[in-house]
Amino acid sequence: MLDPDVVLRADLGPAGGSRELRGARAVAGQALFYSRLGLVTRPALVNGALGGVSTQDGEPFAVGGYTIRGGKIVEIDILADPERLRQLDLTILDD
């Protein structure tokens, strides 16, 4: 599912700064780390584009946008800055 050269960019806000990871192994490892937080992730429209919203205790924790080419994810952009999350127009899609 991940392109071997996938790039993940994350904006964690003032407390966490920005992070960029490259490569399927590094990105998958980061996903495993966050899977331990008990987040619930659902497909969503994020400012009108398809993405995903992760919530914790019913509140948005992070949003992600994905670029797919040739059936593989080549870019992932994550926003986890609480202040900026409050400013987004998020629509969680029905299952």
C-alpha atoms as a PDB file:
ATOM      1  CA  MET A   1       0.000   0.000   0.000  1.00  0.00           C
ATOM      2  CA  LEU A   2       2.911   2.381   0.733  1.00  0.00           C
ATOM      3  CA  ASP A   3       5.281   3.346  -2.032  1.00  0.00           C
ATOM      4  CA  PRO A   4       8.855   2.411  -1.004  1.00  0.00           C
ATOM      5  CA  ASP A   5       9.782   6.124  -1.248  1.00  0.00           C
ATOM      6  CA  VAL A   6       6.694   7.474   0.553  1.00  0.00           C
ATOM      7  CA  VAL A   7       7.065  10.850   2.305  1.00  0.00           C
ATOM      8  CA  LEU A   8       5.180  11.716   5.493  1.00  0.00           C
ATOM      9  CA  ARG A   9       5.017  15.316   6.644  1.00  0.00           C
ATOM     10  CA  ALA A  10       3.538  16.097  10.049  1.00  0.00           C
ATOM     11  CA  ASP A  11       2.721  19.451  11.635  1.00  0.00           C
ATOM     12  CA  LEU A  12       2.463  18.852  15.376  1.00  0.00           C
ATOM     13  CA  GLY A  13       2.026  22.499  16.314  1.00  0.00           C
ATOM     14  CA  PRO A  14       4.179  24.757  18.472  1.00  0.00           C
ATOM     15  CA  ALA A  15       4.812  22.083  21.108  1.00  0.00           C
ATOM     16  CA  GLY A  16       5.896  19.368  18.665  1.00  0.00           C
ATOM     17  CA  GLY A  17       7.176  21.216  15.597  1.00  0.00           C
ATOM     18  CA  SER A  18       7.280  19.703  12.133  1.00  0.00           C
ATOM     19  CA  ARG A  19       8.531  16.290  11.147  1.00  0.00           C
ATOM     20  CA  GLU A  20       9.295  14.596   7.844  1.00  0.00           C
ATOM     21  CA  LEU A  21       9.836  10.876   7.389  1.00  0.00           C
ATOM     22  CA  ARG A  22      10.896   9.120   4.211  1.00  0.00           C
ATOM     23  CA  GLY A  23      10.531   5.506   3.220  1.00  0.00           C
ATOM     24  CA  ALA A  24       7.892   2.846   3.783  1.00  0.00           C
ATOM     25  CA  ARG A  25       9.659   1.289   6.775  1.00  0.00           C
ATOM     26  CA  ALA A  26       9.934   4.597   8.677  1.00  0.00           C
ATOM     27  CA  VAL A  27       6.342   5.609   7.879  1.00  0.00           C
ATOM     28  CA  ALA A  28       4.951   2.191   8.855  1.00  0.00           C
ATOM     29  CA  GLY A  29       6.918   2.348  12.120  1.00  0.00           C
ATOM     30  CA  GLN A  30       5.381   5.716  12.912  1.00  0.00           C
ATOM     31  CA  ALA A  31       1.907   4.293  12.228  1.00  0.00           C
ATOM     32  CA  LEU A  32       2.589   1.450  14.660  1.00  0.00           C
ATOM     33  CA  PHE A  33       3.624   3.942  17.322  1.00  0.00           C
ATOM     34  CA  TYR A  34       0.404   5.939  16.967  1.00  0.00           C
ATOM     35  CA  SER A  35      -1.737   2.786  16.849  1.00  0.00           C
ATOM     36  CA  ARG A  36      -0.980   2.388  20.578  1.00  0.00           C
ATOM     37  CA  LEU A  37      -2.766   5.651  21.425  1.00  0.00           C
ATOM     38  CA  GLY A  38      -6.232   4.189  20.885  1.00  0.00           C
ATOM     39  CA  LEU A  39      -7.155   6.615  18.125  1.00  0.00           C
ATOM     40  CA  VAL A  40     -10.255   6.042  16.009  1.00  0.00           C
ATOM     41  CA  THR A  41      -9.649   6.951  12.359  1.00  0.00           C
ATOM     42  CA  ARG A  42     -12.444   7.474   9.876  1.00  0.00           C
ATOM     43  CA  PRO A  43     -12.633   8.688   6.290  1.00  0.00           C
ATOM     44  CA  ALA A  44     -13.569  12.354   6.073  1.00  0.00           C
ATOM     45  CA  LEU A  45     -13.802  15.358   3.844  1.00  0.00           C
ATOM     46  CA  VAL A  46     -11.135  17.800   4.971  1.00  0.00           C
ATOM     47  CA  ASN A  47     -11.792  21.221   3.460  1.00  0.00           C
ATOM     48  CA  GLY A  48     -13.584  19.419   0.641  1.00  0.00           C
ATOM     49  CA  ALA A  49     -10.874  16.819  -0.134  1.00  0.00           C
ATOM     50  CA  LEU A  50     -10.834  13.129   0.808  1.00  0.00           C
ATOM     51  CA  GLY A  51      -8.739  12.366   3.865  1.00  0.00           C
ATOM     52  CA  GLY A  52      -8.946  10.847   7.312  1.00  0.00           C
ATOM     53  CA  VAL A  53      -9.703  12.165  10.778  1.00  0.00           C
ATOM     54  CA  SER A  54      -8.293  10.514  13.872  1.00  0.00           C
ATOM     55  CA  THR A  55     -10.136  11.196  17.109  1.00  0.00           C
ATOM     56  CA  GLN A  56      -9.316  10.534  20.721  1.00  0.00           C
ATOM     57  CA  ASP A  57     -12.146  10.609  23.258  1.00  0.00           C
ATOM     58  CA  GLY A  58     -14.428  11.977  20.516  1.00  0.00           C
ATOM     59  CA  GLU A  59     -12.257  15.010  19.765  1.00  0.00           C
ATOM     60  CA  PRO A  60     -10.148  15.513  16.602  1.00  0.00           C
ATOM     61  CA  PHE A  61      -6.556  14.463  17.261  1.00  0.00           C
ATOM     62  CA  ALA A  62      -5.171  14.674  13.720  1.00  0.00           C
ATOM     63  CA  VAL A  63      -6.222  14.903  10.094  1.00  0.00           C
ATOM     64  CA  GLY A  64      -4.421  13.353   7.183  1.00  0.00           C
ATOM     65  CA  GLY A  65      -4.365  13.851   3.460  1.00  0.00           C
ATOM     66  CA  TYR A  66      -2.969  11.285   1.035  1.00  0.00           C
ATOM     67  CA  THR A  67      -1.493  11.386  -2.450  1.00  0.00           C
ATOM     68  CA  ILE A  68      -1.867   8.131  -4.352  1.00  0.00           C
ATOM     69  CA  ARG A  69      -0.105   7.241  -7.598  1.00  0.00           C
ATOM     70  CA  GLY A  70      -0.090   3.881  -9.305  1.00  0.00           C
ATOM     71  CA  GLY A  71      -2.231   2.426  -6.519  1.00  0.00           C
ATOM     72  CA  LYS A  72       0.328   3.279  -3.805  1.00  0.00           C
ATOM     73  CA  ILE A  73       0.470   6.030  -1.199  1.00  0.00           C
ATOM     74  CA  VAL A  74       3.346   8.344  -2.148  1.00  0.00           C
ATOM     75  CA  GLU A  75       2.699  11.277   0.214  1.00  0.00           C
ATOM     76  CA  ILE A  76       0.962  11.686   3.563  1.00  0.00           C
ATOM     77  CA  ASP A  77       0.360  15.076   5.135  1.00  0.00           C
ATOM     78  CA  ILE A  78      -0.711  15.084   8.786  1.00  0.00           C
ATOM     79  CA  LEU A  79      -1.965  18.030  10.802  1.00  0.00           C
ATOM     80  CA  ALA A  80      -2.008  17.471  14.560  1.00  0.00           C
ATOM     81  CA  ASP A  81      -1.787  21.076  15.772  1.00  0.00           C
ATOM     82  CA  PRO A  82      -4.815  21.429  18.108  1.00  0.00           C
ATOM     83  CA  GLU A  83      -5.256  25.143  17.373  1.00  0.00           C
ATOM     84  CA  ARG A  84      -5.260  24.677  13.604  1.00  0.00           C
ATOM     85  CA  LEU A  85      -7.504  21.595  13.854  1.00  0.00           C
ATOM     86  CA  ARG A  86     -10.206  23.747  15.439  1.00  0.00           C
ATOM     87  CA  GLN A  87     -10.172  25.985  12.340  1.00  0.00           C
ATOM     88  CA  LEU A  88     -10.778  23.200   9.789  1.00  0.00           C
ATOM     89  CA  ASP A  89     -14.076  22.358   8.162  1.00  0.00           C
ATOM     90  CA  LEU A  90     -14.200  18.603   8.842  1.00  0.00           C
ATOM     91  CA  THR A  91     -16.967  16.289   7.652  1.00  0.00           C
ATOM     92  CA  ILE A  92     -16.631  12.692   8.848  1.00  0.00           C
ATOM     93  CA  LEU A  93     -18.101  10.318   6.268  1.00  0.00           C
ATOM     94  CA  ASP A  94     -20.560   7.580   7.147  1.00  0.00           C
ATOM     95  CA  ASP A  95     -19.167   4.051   7.240  1.00  0.00           C
END
